[in-house]
Amino acid sequence: MPERNDASTSSQTPERDDPMHSFIIPAYNDSRFLEDCIRSLKQQTVPSAIIITTSTPSDFITALARKYNIEIKTNESKGGIAMDWNFAYRACKTKYLTLAHQDDVYLPEYTERCLYQAEKETNSDTLIVFTDYSELLTGKEKKTSLIVMVKKLLLFVFRIRNNYKNKFIKRSIVSFGNSISCPTVMFNTENTGSFEFSDKYRYNVDWEAWLRMARMEGRFIYINRKLMLHRIHSESETILQIKDNNRIIEEEMMFTLIWNKTNARLLMKLYRFGSKLNAKTLYKAL
């Protein structure tokens, strides 16, 4: 289990002393959707510890933490997403952890269903549990989209069974794209241990993490049920990534890491086409 970071600062005591699972929210700046996220975590059928971590402390974040009796841990080190996530990961004191993205909404049964799968006797070696999701666009749930359909296609092996510990299979599901939606992931910190996200990437921090984790002993579990709503809005990370051409550079880096340069170029042609089509659809909807 990750060690507690003694350099952090706390503003409130946790709601519970003995939960199995924690939602850690790496809050950045003043998201107008943060309260919606917090409410969804409070409405889970199985209660969890909830902690906000931030490298951008503000009166806005503090006020919400006080309103909902949530602990805040302040990261004094300034850095990118990887550093924020690593700080959040180390802040966890429970066996299970979800890095809750501040704009997203978690459906009431998310924790209960993830814990049920992870706590099965046969799944004691679980590394991560992740779920299906929907996109939340202009305040309305979008039942399906190009990116969600592609991810489900890449996860086709989970139609046979819902968990795998074979390293080749785990690697294969993230070899053609980032098929695992980061906000849905619940970590078993006893098995992932002192894992750290790489600061080499800005946009593909999670994809590179799943690739490394696929080489670890333990299983991936997929719940083929929509248990989270991923919000997309004009200032969301998804839209910012689409606007930044550096994302394409990182995508090619990932494909080259997985495949040889020739195959990486071919895959990038397909990836660029899909990205443009997805971006066009999102911009039209916003």
C-alpha atoms as a PDB file:
ATOM      1  CA  MET A   1       0.000   0.000   0.000  1.00  0.00           C
ATOM      2  CA  PRO A   2       1.326   3.493  -0.757  1.00  0.00           C
ATOM      3  CA  GLU A   3       2.949   5.235   2.172  1.00  0.00           C
ATOM      4  CA  ARG A   4       1.394   8.370   3.584  1.00  0.00           C
ATOM      5  CA  ASN A   5       3.020  11.569   2.382  1.00  0.00           C
ATOM      6  CA  ASP A   6       3.960  13.445   5.556  1.00  0.00           C
ATOM      7  CA  ALA A   7       4.689  16.617   3.581  1.00  0.00           C
ATOM      8  CA  SER A   8       1.003  17.079   2.787  1.00  0.00           C
ATOM      9  CA  THR A   9      -1.346  19.286   4.764  1.00  0.00           C
ATOM     10  CA  SER A  10      -4.838  18.404   5.971  1.00  0.00           C
ATOM     11  CA  SER A  11      -7.837  20.623   6.541  1.00  0.00           C
ATOM     12  CA  GLN A  12     -10.460  18.119   7.690  1.00  0.00           C
ATOM     13  CA  THR A  13     -10.607  14.643   9.184  1.00  0.00           C
ATOM     14  CA  PRO A  14     -11.844  11.781   6.962  1.00  0.00           C
ATOM     15  CA  GLU A  15     -15.502  10.886   7.109  1.00  0.00           C
ATOM     16  CA  ARG A  16     -14.717   7.242   8.025  1.00  0.00           C
ATOM     17  CA  ASP A  17     -11.755   5.571   9.675  1.00  0.00           C
ATOM     18  CA  ASP A  18     -12.175   2.069   8.250  1.00  0.00           C
ATOM     19  CA  PRO A  19     -13.234   2.148   4.586  1.00  0.00           C
ATOM     20  CA  MET A  20     -11.814  -0.350   2.093  1.00  0.00           C
ATOM     21  CA  HIS A  21     -11.824   2.184  -0.710  1.00  0.00           C
ATOM     22  CA  SER A  22     -10.867   5.810  -1.239  1.00  0.00           C
ATOM     23  CA  PHE A  23     -11.854   8.337  -3.853  1.00  0.00           C
ATOM     24  CA  ILE A  24      -8.969  10.765  -4.249  1.00  0.00           C
ATOM     25  CA  ILE A  25      -9.860  13.840  -6.324  1.00  0.00           C
ATOM     26  CA  PRO A  26      -6.805  15.566  -7.856  1.00  0.00           C
ATOM     27  CA  ALA A  27      -8.419  18.999  -8.081  1.00  0.00           C
ATOM     28  CA  TYR A  28      -6.842  21.534 -10.426  1.00  0.00           C
ATOM     29  CA  ASN A  29      -7.882  25.187 -10.445  1.00  0.00           C
ATOM     30  CA  ASP A  30     -11.578  25.915  -9.783  1.00  0.00           C
ATOM     31  CA  SER A  31     -13.674  23.472 -11.772  1.00  0.00           C
ATOM     32  CA  ARG A  32     -17.337  24.442 -11.831  1.00  0.00           C
ATOM     33  CA  PHE A  33     -18.161  20.725 -11.993  1.00  0.00           C
ATOM     34  CA  LEU A  34     -16.212  19.688  -8.893  1.00  0.00           C
ATOM     35  CA  GLU A  35     -19.276  19.812  -6.652  1.00  0.00           C
ATOM     36  CA  ASP A  36     -21.196  17.501  -8.996  1.00  0.00           C
ATOM     37  CA  CYS A  37     -18.334  15.023  -8.761  1.00  0.00           C
ATOM     38  CA  ILE A  38     -18.281  15.221  -4.958  1.00  0.00           C
ATOM     39  CA  ARG A  39     -22.040  14.703  -4.731  1.00  0.00           C
ATOM     40  CA  SER A  40     -21.800  11.572  -6.866  1.00  0.00           C
ATOM     41  CA  LEU A  41     -19.091  10.159  -4.577  1.00  0.00           C
ATOM     42  CA  LYS A  42     -21.200  10.896  -1.510  1.00  0.00           C
ATOM     43  CA  GLN A  43     -24.171   9.084  -3.081  1.00  0.00           C
ATOM     44  CA  GLN A  44     -22.406   5.734  -3.562  1.00  0.00           C
ATOM     45  CA  THR A  45     -24.235   2.668  -2.200  1.00  0.00           C
ATOM     46  CA  VAL A  46     -21.023   1.720  -0.365  1.00  0.00           C
ATOM     47  CA  PRO A  47     -19.302   4.641   1.410  1.00  0.00           C
ATOM     48  CA  SER A  48     -15.635   5.436   0.783  1.00  0.00           C
ATOM     49  CA  ALA A  49     -13.064   7.787   2.209  1.00  0.00           C
ATOM     50  CA  ILE A  50     -12.950  10.952   0.087  1.00  0.00           C
ATOM     51  CA  ILE A  51      -9.871  13.162  -0.141  1.00  0.00           C
ATOM     52  CA  ILE A  52      -9.110  16.178  -2.316  1.00  0.00           C
ATOM     53  CA  THR A  53      -5.501  16.674  -3.349  1.00  0.00           C
ATOM     54  CA  THR A  54      -4.404  19.831  -5.106  1.00  0.00           C
ATOM     55  CA  SER A  55      -1.344  21.743  -6.215  1.00  0.00           C
ATOM     56  CA  THR A  56      -3.540  24.815  -6.838  1.00  0.00           C
ATOM     57  CA  PRO A  57      -5.206  25.502  -3.466  1.00  0.00           C
ATOM     58  CA  SER A  58      -7.970  28.101  -3.480  1.00  0.00           C
ATOM     59  CA  ASP A  59     -10.863  29.432  -1.425  1.00  0.00           C
ATOM     60  CA  PHE A  60     -13.215  27.695  -3.865  1.00  0.00           C
ATOM     61  CA  ILE A  61     -11.756  24.226  -3.216  1.00  0.00           C
ATOM     62  CA  THR A  62     -11.524  24.855   0.532  1.00  0.00           C
ATOM     63  CA  ALA A  63     -15.168  25.951   0.701  1.00  0.00           C
ATOM     64  CA  LEU A  64     -16.359  22.774  -1.035  1.00  0.00           C
ATOM     65  CA  ALA A  65     -14.187  20.611   1.211  1.00  0.00           C
ATOM     66  CA  ARG A  66     -15.694  22.247   4.298  1.00  0.00           C
ATOM     67  CA  LYS A  67     -19.223  21.975   2.949  1.00  0.00           C
ATOM     68  CA  TYR A  68     -18.893  18.219   2.420  1.00  0.00           C
ATOM     69  CA  ASN A  69     -16.496  17.486   5.312  1.00  0.00           C
ATOM     70  CA  ILE A  70     -13.708  16.311   3.007  1.00  0.00           C
ATOM     71  CA  GLU A  71     -10.026  16.177   3.803  1.00  0.00           C
ATOM     72  CA  ILE A  72      -7.647  18.284   1.685  1.00  0.00           C
ATOM     73  CA  LYS A  73      -4.010  17.457   1.077  1.00  0.00           C
ATOM     74  CA  THR A  74      -1.944  20.160  -0.592  1.00  0.00           C
ATOM     75  CA  ASN A  75       0.866  19.231  -2.946  1.00  0.00           C
ATOM     76  CA  GLU A  76       3.563  21.865  -2.525  1.00  0.00           C
ATOM     77  CA  SER A  77       5.501  20.556  -5.540  1.00  0.00           C
ATOM     78  CA  LYS A  78       4.474  22.119  -8.828  1.00  0.00           C
ATOM     79  CA  GLY A  79       4.487  19.844 -11.829  1.00  0.00           C
ATOM     80  CA  GLY A  80       2.349  18.167 -14.446  1.00  0.00           C
ATOM     81  CA  ILE A  81      -0.460  15.635 -14.342  1.00  0.00           C
ATOM     82  CA  ALA A  82       1.875  12.758 -13.465  1.00  0.00           C
ATOM     83  CA  MET A  83       3.152  14.542 -10.351  1.00  0.00           C
ATOM     84  CA  ASP A  84      -0.398  15.436  -9.281  1.00  0.00           C
ATOM     85  CA  TRP A  85      -1.566  11.846  -9.752  1.00  0.00           C
ATOM     86  CA  ASN A  86       1.448  10.420  -7.941  1.00  0.00           C
ATOM     87  CA  PHE A  87       0.773  12.725  -4.996  1.00  0.00           C
ATOM     88  CA  ALA A  88      -2.872  11.639  -4.991  1.00  0.00           C
ATOM     89  CA  TYR A  89      -1.891   7.973  -5.215  1.00  0.00           C
ATOM     90  CA  ARG A  90       0.449   8.300  -2.219  1.00  0.00           C
ATOM     91  CA  ALA A  91      -2.294  10.042  -0.233  1.00  0.00           C
ATOM     92  CA  CYS A  92      -4.357   6.848  -0.224  1.00  0.00           C
ATOM     93  CA  LYS A  93      -4.438   4.858   3.028  1.00  0.00           C
ATOM     94  CA  THR A  94      -6.897   2.167   1.929  1.00  0.00           C
ATOM     95  CA  LYS A  95      -6.548  -1.071  -0.014  1.00  0.00           C
ATOM     96  CA  TYR A  96      -8.508   0.245  -2.981  1.00  0.00           C
ATOM     97  CA  LEU A  97      -8.220   3.598  -4.740  1.00  0.00           C
ATOM     98  CA  THR A  98      -9.980   5.495  -7.493  1.00  0.00           C
ATOM     99  CA  LEU A  99      -8.470   8.709  -8.834  1.00  0.00           C
ATOM    100  CA  ALA A 100     -11.742  10.561  -9.354  1.00  0.00           C
ATOM    101  CA  HIS A 101     -11.533  13.132 -12.141  1.00  0.00           C
ATOM    102  CA  GLN A 102     -12.995  16.411 -10.931  1.00  0.00           C
ATOM    103  CA  ASP A 103     -15.375  16.977 -13.850  1.00  0.00           C
ATOM    104  CA  ASP A 104     -16.816  13.461 -13.934  1.00  0.00           C
ATOM    105  CA  VAL A 105     -19.807  11.807 -12.292  1.00  0.00           C
ATOM    106  CA  TYR A 106     -19.749   8.353 -10.698  1.00  0.00           C
ATOM    107  CA  LEU A 107     -22.985   6.378 -10.742  1.00  0.00           C
ATOM    108  CA  PRO A 108     -24.214   5.107  -7.334  1.00  0.00           C
ATOM    109  CA  GLU A 109     -23.172   1.457  -7.773  1.00  0.00           C
ATOM    110  CA  TYR A 110     -19.619   2.163  -9.008  1.00  0.00           C
ATOM    111  CA  THR A 111     -17.842   1.377  -5.718  1.00  0.00           C
ATOM    112  CA  GLU A 112     -20.072  -1.549  -4.777  1.00  0.00           C
ATOM    113  CA  ARG A 113     -19.659  -3.334  -8.099  1.00  0.00           C
ATOM    114  CA  CYS A 114     -15.895  -2.723  -8.329  1.00  0.00           C
ATOM    115  CA  LEU A 115     -15.309  -3.970  -4.779  1.00  0.00           C
ATOM    116  CA  TYR A 116     -17.475  -7.033  -5.406  1.00  0.00           C
ATOM    117  CA  GLN A 117     -15.272  -8.087  -8.313  1.00  0.00           C
ATOM    118  CA  ALA A 118     -11.976  -7.237  -6.606  1.00  0.00           C
ATOM    119  CA  GLU A 119     -12.858  -9.003  -3.357  1.00  0.00           C
ATOM    120  CA  LYS A 120     -13.727 -12.347  -4.938  1.00  0.00           C
ATOM    121  CA  GLU A 121     -11.434 -15.036  -3.544  1.00  0.00           C
ATOM    122  CA  THR A 122     -10.196 -15.927  -7.025  1.00  0.00           C
ATOM    123  CA  ASN A 123      -9.280 -12.291  -7.710  1.00  0.00           C
ATOM    124  CA  SER A 124      -6.904 -11.661  -4.820  1.00  0.00           C
ATOM    125  CA  ASP A 125      -4.128 -10.820  -7.309  1.00  0.00           C
ATOM    126  CA  THR A 126      -6.139  -8.040  -8.976  1.00  0.00           C
ATOM    127  CA  LEU A 127      -4.171  -4.987 -10.087  1.00  0.00           C
ATOM    128  CA  ILE A 128      -7.010  -2.851 -11.451  1.00  0.00           C
ATOM    129  CA  VAL A 129     -10.751  -2.992 -11.991  1.00  0.00           C
ATOM    130  CA  PHE A 130     -12.179  -0.737 -14.698  1.00  0.00           C
ATOM    131  CA  THR A 131     -15.637  -0.215 -16.131  1.00  0.00           C
ATOM    132  CA  ASP A 132     -17.632   0.895 -19.126  1.00  0.00           C
ATOM    133  CA  TYR A 133     -18.760   4.534 -19.204  1.00  0.00           C
ATOM    134  CA  SER A 134     -20.775   7.109 -21.114  1.00  0.00           C
ATOM    135  CA  GLU A 135     -19.873  10.627 -22.141  1.00  0.00           C
ATOM    136  CA  LEU A 136     -21.643  13.599 -20.592  1.00  0.00           C
ATOM    137  CA  LEU A 137     -21.971  16.270 -23.255  1.00  0.00           C
ATOM    138  CA  THR A 138     -23.700  19.630 -22.630  1.00  0.00           C
ATOM    139  CA  GLY A 139     -25.205  18.153 -19.472  1.00  0.00           C
ATOM    140  CA  LYS A 140     -26.765  15.158 -21.224  1.00  0.00           C
ATOM    141  CA  GLU A 141     -25.588  11.558 -21.291  1.00  0.00           C
ATOM    142  CA  LYS A 142     -24.445  10.482 -24.731  1.00  0.00           C
ATOM    143  CA  LYS A 143     -25.196   6.774 -24.931  1.00  0.00           C
ATOM    144  CA  THR A 144     -22.442   6.067 -27.426  1.00  0.00           C
ATOM    145  CA  SER A 145     -19.710   7.800 -29.406  1.00  0.00           C
ATOM    146  CA  LEU A 146     -16.917   6.915 -31.805  1.00  0.00           C
ATOM    147  CA  ILE A 147     -14.236   6.872 -29.109  1.00  0.00           C
ATOM    148  CA  VAL A 148     -16.353   4.737 -26.744  1.00  0.00           C
ATOM    149  CA  MET A 149     -17.170   2.280 -29.531  1.00  0.00           C
ATOM    150  CA  VAL A 150     -13.486   1.949 -30.477  1.00  0.00           C
ATOM    151  CA  LYS A 151     -12.497   1.322 -26.857  1.00  0.00           C
ATOM    152  CA  LYS A 152     -15.141  -1.378 -26.519  1.00  0.00           C
ATOM    153  CA  LEU A 153     -13.868  -2.967 -29.717  1.00  0.00           C
ATOM    154  CA  LEU A 154     -10.318  -3.048 -28.333  1.00  0.00           C
ATOM    155  CA  LEU A 155     -11.686  -4.767 -25.223  1.00  0.00           C
ATOM    156  CA  PHE A 156     -13.325  -7.571 -27.216  1.00  0.00           C
ATOM    157  CA  VAL A 157     -11.506 -10.316 -25.249  1.00  0.00           C
ATOM    158  CA  PHE A 158     -13.555  -9.355 -22.190  1.00  0.00           C
ATOM    159  CA  ARG A 159     -16.634 -10.680 -23.974  1.00  0.00           C
ATOM    160  CA  ILE A 160     -15.210 -14.144 -23.270  1.00  0.00           C
ATOM    161  CA  ARG A 161     -14.420 -13.533 -19.602  1.00  0.00           C
ATOM    162  CA  ASN A 162     -14.218 -10.454 -17.409  1.00  0.00           C
ATOM    163  CA  ASN A 163     -10.652 -10.812 -16.101  1.00  0.00           C
ATOM    164  CA  TYR A 164      -7.180 -11.757 -17.316  1.00  0.00           C
ATOM    165  CA  LYS A 165      -3.783 -12.131 -15.683  1.00  0.00           C
ATOM    166  CA  ASN A 166      -1.943 -13.297 -18.803  1.00  0.00           C
ATOM    167  CA  LYS A 167       0.640 -10.617 -19.593  1.00  0.00           C
ATOM    168  CA  PHE A 168       0.308 -10.995 -23.361  1.00  0.00           C
ATOM    169  CA  ILE A 169      -3.467 -10.482 -23.246  1.00  0.00           C
ATOM    170  CA  LYS A 170      -3.184  -7.543 -20.857  1.00  0.00           C
ATOM    171  CA  ARG A 171      -0.633  -5.917 -23.143  1.00  0.00           C
ATOM    172  CA  SER A 172      -2.697  -6.635 -26.265  1.00  0.00           C
ATOM    173  CA  ILE A 173      -5.724  -4.652 -25.041  1.00  0.00           C
ATOM    174  CA  VAL A 174      -3.608  -1.482 -24.827  1.00  0.00           C
ATOM    175  CA  SER A 175      -1.419  -2.109 -27.886  1.00  0.00           C
ATOM    176  CA  PHE A 176      -3.705  -0.474 -30.457  1.00  0.00           C
ATOM    177  CA  GLY A 177      -4.815   2.495 -28.361  1.00  0.00           C
ATOM    178  CA  ASN A 178      -5.725   3.526 -24.849  1.00  0.00           C
ATOM    179  CA  SER A 179      -8.703   1.243 -24.320  1.00  0.00           C
ATOM    180  CA  ILE A 180      -8.871   1.689 -20.524  1.00  0.00           C
ATOM    181  CA  SER A 181     -10.739   4.794 -19.381  1.00  0.00           C
ATOM    182  CA  CYS A 182      -8.617   6.243 -16.576  1.00  0.00           C
ATOM    183  CA  PRO A 183     -11.432   7.772 -14.456  1.00  0.00           C
ATOM    184  CA  THR A 184     -13.134   4.357 -14.187  1.00  0.00           C
ATOM    185  CA  VAL A 185     -10.076   2.563 -12.807  1.00  0.00           C
ATOM    186  CA  MET A 186      -9.977   1.235  -9.248  1.00  0.00           C
ATOM    187  CA  PHE A 187      -6.483   0.233  -8.085  1.00  0.00           C
ATOM    188  CA  ASN A 188      -5.711  -2.533  -5.611  1.00  0.00           C
ATOM    189  CA  THR A 189      -2.872  -0.632  -3.935  1.00  0.00           C
ATOM    190  CA  GLU A 190      -1.689  -3.717  -2.040  1.00  0.00           C
ATOM    191  CA  ASN A 191      -0.809  -5.259  -5.398  1.00  0.00           C
ATOM    192  CA  THR A 192       0.204  -2.163  -7.378  1.00  0.00           C
ATOM    193  CA  GLY A 193       2.406  -1.086  -4.461  1.00  0.00           C
ATOM    194  CA  SER A 194       4.641   1.948  -4.981  1.00  0.00           C
ATOM    195  CA  PHE A 195       3.581   2.373  -8.601  1.00  0.00           C
ATOM    196  CA  GLU A 196       4.255   5.803 -10.117  1.00  0.00           C
ATOM    197  CA  PHE A 197       2.961   7.521 -13.232  1.00  0.00           C
ATOM    198  CA  SER A 198       5.677   8.648 -15.641  1.00  0.00           C
ATOM    199  CA  ASP A 199       6.296  12.381 -16.063  1.00  0.00           C
ATOM    200  CA  LYS A 200       7.680  11.689 -19.534  1.00  0.00           C
ATOM    201  CA  TYR A 201       4.177  12.125 -20.928  1.00  0.00           C
ATOM    202  CA  ARG A 202       1.620  14.892 -20.626  1.00  0.00           C
ATOM    203  CA  TYR A 203      -1.327  13.354 -22.458  1.00  0.00           C
ATOM    204  CA  ASN A 204      -0.620   9.630 -22.379  1.00  0.00           C
ATOM    205  CA  VAL A 205       0.215   9.346 -18.689  1.00  0.00           C
ATOM    206  CA  ASP A 206      -2.497   6.725 -18.159  1.00  0.00           C
ATOM    207  CA  TRP A 207      -1.899   4.761 -21.386  1.00  0.00           C
ATOM    208  CA  GLU A 208       1.789   4.347 -20.559  1.00  0.00           C
ATOM    209  CA  ALA A 209       0.842   3.312 -17.020  1.00  0.00           C
ATOM    210  CA  TRP A 210      -1.469   0.521 -18.225  1.00  0.00           C
ATOM    211  CA  LEU A 211       1.246  -0.694 -20.583  1.00  0.00           C
ATOM    212  CA  ARG A 212       3.733  -0.982 -17.707  1.00  0.00           C
ATOM    213  CA  MET A 213       1.138  -2.476 -15.405  1.00  0.00           C
ATOM    214  CA  ALA A 214       0.364  -5.138 -18.013  1.00  0.00           C
ATOM    215  CA  ARG A 215       3.860  -6.509 -17.382  1.00  0.00           C
ATOM    216  CA  MET A 216       3.188  -6.860 -13.648  1.00  0.00           C
ATOM    217  CA  GLU A 217       1.928 -10.042 -12.002  1.00  0.00           C
ATOM    218  CA  GLY A 218      -1.802  -9.803 -11.405  1.00  0.00           C
ATOM    219  CA  ARG A 219      -5.067  -9.433 -13.260  1.00  0.00           C
ATOM    220  CA  PHE A 220      -7.100  -6.768 -15.005  1.00  0.00           C
ATOM    221  CA  ILE A 221     -10.861  -6.929 -14.394  1.00  0.00           C
ATOM    222  CA  TYR A 222     -13.394  -5.254 -16.666  1.00  0.00           C
ATOM    223  CA  ILE A 223     -17.012  -4.551 -15.679  1.00  0.00           C
ATOM    224  CA  ASN A 224     -19.079  -4.243 -18.839  1.00  0.00           C
ATOM    225  CA  ARG A 225     -21.529  -1.833 -17.282  1.00  0.00           C
ATOM    226  CA  LYS A 226     -21.693   1.954 -17.489  1.00  0.00           C
ATOM    227  CA  LEU A 227     -20.763   3.104 -13.988  1.00  0.00           C
ATOM    228  CA  MET A 228     -19.319   6.549 -14.736  1.00  0.00           C
ATOM    229  CA  LEU A 229     -20.128   9.599 -16.851  1.00  0.00           C
ATOM    230  CA  HIS A 230     -17.109  11.298 -18.402  1.00  0.00           C
ATOM    231  CA  ARG A 231     -17.885  14.981 -18.850  1.00  0.00           C
ATOM    232  CA  ILE A 232     -16.706  16.749 -21.983  1.00  0.00           C
ATOM    233  CA  HIS A 233     -16.913  20.530 -22.153  1.00  0.00           C
ATOM    234  CA  SER A 234     -15.068  23.379 -23.843  1.00  0.00           C
ATOM    235  CA  GLU A 235     -12.369  23.543 -21.124  1.00  0.00           C
ATOM    236  CA  SER A 236     -12.113  19.804 -20.464  1.00  0.00           C
ATOM    237  CA  GLU A 237      -8.830  17.949 -20.815  1.00  0.00           C
ATOM    238  CA  THR A 238     -10.284  15.972 -23.735  1.00  0.00           C
ATOM    239  CA  ILE A 239     -10.896  19.124 -25.772  1.00  0.00           C
ATOM    240  CA  LEU A 240      -7.589  20.722 -24.762  1.00  0.00           C
ATOM    241  CA  GLN A 241      -5.751  17.611 -25.923  1.00  0.00           C
ATOM    242  CA  ILE A 242      -7.481  17.701 -29.294  1.00  0.00           C
ATOM    243  CA  LYS A 243      -6.419  21.319 -29.771  1.00  0.00           C
ATOM    244  CA  ASP A 244      -2.772  20.601 -28.883  1.00  0.00           C
ATOM    245  CA  ASN A 245      -0.765  19.076 -31.731  1.00  0.00           C
ATOM    246  CA  ASN A 246       1.772  17.756 -29.221  1.00  0.00           C
ATOM    247  CA  ARG A 247      -0.713  15.018 -28.464  1.00  0.00           C
ATOM    248  CA  ILE A 248      -0.014  13.507 -31.885  1.00  0.00           C
ATOM    249  CA  ILE A 249       3.698  13.403 -31.072  1.00  0.00           C
ATOM    250  CA  GLU A 250       2.990  11.506 -27.876  1.00  0.00           C
ATOM    251  CA  GLU A 251       0.638   9.089 -29.633  1.00  0.00           C
ATOM    252  CA  GLU A 252       3.397   8.227 -32.108  1.00  0.00           C
ATOM    253  CA  MET A 253       5.835   7.797 -29.212  1.00  0.00           C
ATOM    254  CA  MET A 254       3.478   5.277 -27.638  1.00  0.00           C
ATOM    255  CA  PHE A 255       2.909   3.286 -30.819  1.00  0.00           C
ATOM    256  CA  THR A 256       6.667   3.236 -31.476  1.00  0.00           C
ATOM    257  CA  LEU A 257       7.226   1.992 -27.928  1.00  0.00           C
ATOM    258  CA  ILE A 258       4.785  -0.856 -28.536  1.00  0.00           C
ATOM    259  CA  TRP A 259       5.502  -1.603 -32.207  1.00  0.00           C
ATOM    260  CA  ASN A 260       8.356  -0.919 -34.623  1.00  0.00           C
ATOM    261  CA  LYS A 261       8.553   2.441 -36.409  1.00  0.00           C
ATOM    262  CA  THR A 262       7.004   1.162 -39.653  1.00  0.00           C
ATOM    263  CA  ASN A 263       3.927  -0.282 -37.946  1.00  0.00           C
ATOM    264  CA  ALA A 264       3.706   2.780 -35.718  1.00  0.00           C
ATOM    265  CA  ARG A 265       3.416   5.040 -38.772  1.00  0.00           C
ATOM    266  CA  LEU A 266       0.644   2.890 -40.239  1.00  0.00           C
ATOM    267  CA  LEU A 267      -1.266   2.878 -36.971  1.00  0.00           C
ATOM    268  CA  MET A 268      -0.857   6.638 -36.666  1.00  0.00           C
ATOM    269  CA  LYS A 269      -2.571   7.165 -40.031  1.00  0.00           C
ATOM    270  CA  LEU A 270      -5.629   5.320 -38.742  1.00  0.00           C
ATOM    271  CA  TYR A 271      -5.392   7.075 -35.390  1.00  0.00           C
ATOM    272  CA  ARG A 272      -5.229  10.544 -36.944  1.00  0.00           C
ATOM    273  CA  PHE A 273      -8.257   9.824 -39.109  1.00  0.00           C
ATOM    274  CA  GLY A 274     -10.259   8.632 -36.112  1.00  0.00           C
ATOM    275  CA  SER A 275      -9.127  11.580 -33.977  1.00  0.00           C
ATOM    276  CA  LYS A 276     -10.184  14.108 -36.619  1.00  0.00           C
ATOM    277  CA  LEU A 277     -13.571  12.452 -37.005  1.00  0.00           C
ATOM    278  CA  ASN A 278     -14.082  12.371 -33.231  1.00  0.00           C
ATOM    279  CA  ALA A 279     -12.991  16.010 -32.865  1.00  0.00           C
ATOM    280  CA  LYS A 280     -15.376  17.125 -35.603  1.00  0.00           C
ATOM    281  CA  THR A 281     -18.265  15.367 -33.840  1.00  0.00           C
ATOM    282  CA  LEU A 282     -17.405  16.868 -30.438  1.00  0.00           C
ATOM    283  CA  TYR A 283     -16.972  20.421 -31.741  1.00  0.00           C
ATOM    284  CA  LYS A 284     -20.318  20.190 -33.498  1.00  0.00           C
ATOM    285  CA  ALA A 285     -22.012  19.065 -30.270  1.00  0.00           C
ATOM    286  CA  LEU A 286     -20.448  21.706 -27.985  1.00  0.00           C
END
